[in-house]
Amino acid sequence: MLKAMTRRTLLQTLTASLWAIAAGAIFGPVLRLLAAPLRASRRERPFLRVAPLSAVQPGRPFRATVFAERQDAFFRHPPGPVGTVWLIREEEDQKENQQGKEETEAAVHLPRVSALQSICPHLGCGIDFLDAQHAFLCPCHASRFALSGERLNRVSPRDMDELPCRISEPDDAGQRWVEVQYQEFQIGLAHRRPLA
């Protein structure tokens, strides 16, 4: 009787273990899939190089293509275009230039560059820049934006979306780059909400 109970207990333990392994194999990936948006929202977006600083002229918007690695559920794709941004370099003030010359050579005066998402917040069309009007225009529904990204009419629910932007340290060739934390936002909403 003791041997039968031991054999029965052993079989029950083995069966329960096999069920636990099978359940883990099935539900583990499902739970990981459900938790993916939470992990993605906590992960900080990297700064991506989009254009050399010398290519961005003061007071004239520069359209730059953003290249990045993409990853879907199973595959990591090589770097490719993921979107475009408008880079605006502020015109340098003569007073600031004079102050910059008087400062020591150790301190470097860098211009301020801002990056605006090129997707219209209204319905997601691509925004163009019109030289004649010195303003941004969405060709789909005539949303107009100032050079700062501020909306000029009531078509769009909000201003153009500004992205975090910085100027890199000089690379080996002495070139500084404009780097952007690229992301896309939901369209048609009064308040910005990043897409996961």
Foldseek 3Di string as FASTA:
>chain_A
DVVVVVVVVVVVVVVVVVVVVVCCVPCVVVVVVVCVVVVVVPDAFDWFFWFFPVVADALDKDKTFTWDWDDDPPDIHPTDTDAIKIKHWHDDDPVVVVVQVVDDPVDDDDTDIWIFGQFAQAAGAGWDADPVVCWIFRVPPTFIAHPVQATPDVRALGGTDIWDWDWAQQDPVRIITIITRDFDFHHNDNDTDTDD
